Protein backbone atom coordinates (compact mmCIF):
# COMPACT_ATOMS: atom_id res chain seq x y z
CA UNK A 1 -0.19 0.14 -0.06
CA UNK A 2 3.01 2.32 0.55
CA UNK A 3 4.17 1.63 -2.91
CA UNK A 4 0.88 2.53 -4.39
CA UNK A 5 0.95 6.49 -2.14
CA UNK A 6 4.37 6.73 -3.27
CA UNK A 7 4.04 5.60 -6.96
CA UNK A 8 0.96 8.14 -6.70
CA UNK A 9 3.15 10.74 -5.01
CA UNK A 10 5.95 10.85 -7.67
CA UNK A 11 3.82 10.88 -10.70
CA UNK A 12 1.88 13.81 -9.36
CA UNK A 13 5.53 15.25 -8.36
CA UNK A 14 6.19 14.54 -12.14
CA UNK A 15 2.68 16.55 -13.46
CA UNK A 16 3.36 19.57 -10.96
CA UNK A 17 7.50 19.75 -12.61
CA UNK A 18 6.28 19.46 -16.29
CA UNK A 19 3.54 22.36 -15.39
CA UNK A 20 6.04 24.28 -13.89
CA UNK A 21 8.45 23.49 -16.81
CA UNK A 22 5.88 25.01 -18.93
CA UNK A 23 5.32 27.71 -17.55
CA UNK A 24 9.11 28.63 -16.76
CA UNK A 25 9.68 28.19 -21.03
CA UNK A 26 6.77 30.24 -21.71
CA UNK A 27 8.40 33.29 -19.26
CA UNK A 28 11.64 32.62 -20.65
CA UNK A 29 10.12 32.69 -24.17
CA UNK A 30 8.38 36.52 -23.22
CA UNK A 31 11.33 37.76 -21.35
CA UNK A 32 13.51 37.13 -24.64
CA UNK A 33 11.21 38.87 -27.04
CA UNK A 34 10.89 42.00 -24.50
CA UNK A 35 14.76 43.08 -25.22
CA UNK A 36 14.22 42.48 -29.06
CA UNK A 37 11.26 44.57 -28.91
CA UNK A 38 12.31 47.09 -26.92
CA UNK A 39 15.54 47.37 -29.21
CA UNK A 40 13.07 47.73 -32.01
CA UNK A 41 11.24 50.45 -30.12
CA UNK A 42 14.54 52.59 -29.87
CA UNK A 43 15.41 51.89 -33.26
CA UNK A 44 11.92 53.34 -34.57
CA UNK A 45 12.23 56.24 -32.12
CA UNK A 46 15.89 57.37 -33.11
CA UNK A 47 14.14 56.85 -36.66
CA UNK A 48 11.21 59.15 -35.79
CA UNK A 49 13.42 61.36 -34.05
CA UNK A 50 15.91 61.82 -37.46
CA UNK A 51 13.01 62.58 -39.98
CA UNK A 52 11.53 65.03 -37.06
CA UNK A 53 14.91 67.23 -37.40
CA UNK A 54 15.47 66.70 -40.91
CA UNK A 55 11.93 68.44 -41.56
CA UNK A 56 12.65 70.71 -39.03
CA UNK A 57 16.01 71.71 -40.57
CA UNK A 58 14.45 72.11 -44.13
CA UNK A 59 11.52 74.19 -42.56
CA UNK A 60 13.69 76.42 -40.69
CA UNK A 61 15.88 76.64 -44.05
CA UNK A 62 12.32 77.19 -45.72
CA UNK A 63 11.56 80.05 -43.17
CA UNK A 64 15.28 81.24 -43.51
CA UNK A 65 14.74 81.92 -47.47
CA UNK A 66 11.46 83.53 -46.94
CA UNK A 67 12.71 86.16 -44.27
CA UNK A 68 15.70 87.23 -46.47
CA UNK A 69 13.02 87.68 -49.49
CA UNK A 70 10.91 89.70 -47.52
CA UNK A 71 13.80 91.94 -46.65
CA UNK A 72 15.04 92.21 -50.11
CA UNK A 73 11.36 93.23 -51.20
CA UNK A 74 11.53 95.68 -48.49
CA UNK A 75 14.54 97.28 -49.65
CA UNK A 76 13.65 97.37 -52.82
CA UNK A 77 10.38 98.63 -52.30
CA UNK A 78 11.96 101.62 -49.97
CA UNK A 79 14.30 101.89 -52.84
CA UNK A 80 11.22 102.55 -55.32
CA UNK A 81 9.69 104.48 -53.31
CA UNK A 82 12.27 107.15 -52.45
CA UNK A 83 12.77 107.71 -55.97
CA UNK A 84 9.14 108.20 -56.70
CA UNK A 85 9.24 111.39 -55.06
CA UNK A 86 10.88 113.78 -52.93
CA UNK A 87 11.89 112.64 -49.24
CA UNK A 88 9.51 114.40 -46.83
CA UNK A 89 12.27 115.06 -44.25
CA UNK A 90 14.65 116.63 -46.75
CA UNK A 91 12.29 118.47 -48.78
CA UNK A 92 9.11 118.85 -47.19
CA UNK A 93 7.61 121.64 -49.50
CA UNK A 94 7.70 119.44 -52.33
CA UNK A 95 6.82 116.84 -50.54
CA UNK A 96 3.64 118.25 -49.56
CA UNK A 97 2.89 119.40 -53.17
CA UNK A 98 3.16 115.94 -54.24
CA UNK A 99 1.23 114.96 -51.54
CA UNK A 100 -1.63 117.09 -51.94
CA UNK A 101 -1.32 116.46 -56.06
CA UNK A 102 -2.08 112.86 -55.50
CA UNK A 103 -4.99 113.34 -52.96
CA UNK A 104 -6.47 115.49 -55.70
CA UNK A 105 -5.84 113.15 -58.41
CA UNK A 106 -7.42 110.08 -56.27
CA UNK A 107 -10.57 112.68 -55.64
CA UNK A 108 -11.05 113.30 -58.88
CA UNK A 109 -9.90 110.30 -60.39
CA UNK A 110 -7.65 111.23 -63.11
CA UNK A 111 -4.39 113.24 -64.22
CA UNK A 112 -4.66 116.76 -62.51
């Protein structure tokens, strides 16, 4: 009778060991996947950051070009405006007569 009890206990111990071995294998498989997934995640983050930096650099270059062109246009308009009429600070009387002439033209809608 004791032999039957010991055989049953050893069979139960074997089943418990097999179940625990299966769970240990699953846990080990999950843990071995975790570093690979973390490495992939880091690589994807790094790629995303590099893409973002490239886009930001391009955007800043475009904005710098726009600003430069705005300054060039402003300078050229200022040069055109200064050539269009007398300087109000240097020749106030000539400037006043020119402005009065422009106002009269705009009111009459023609050349005066």
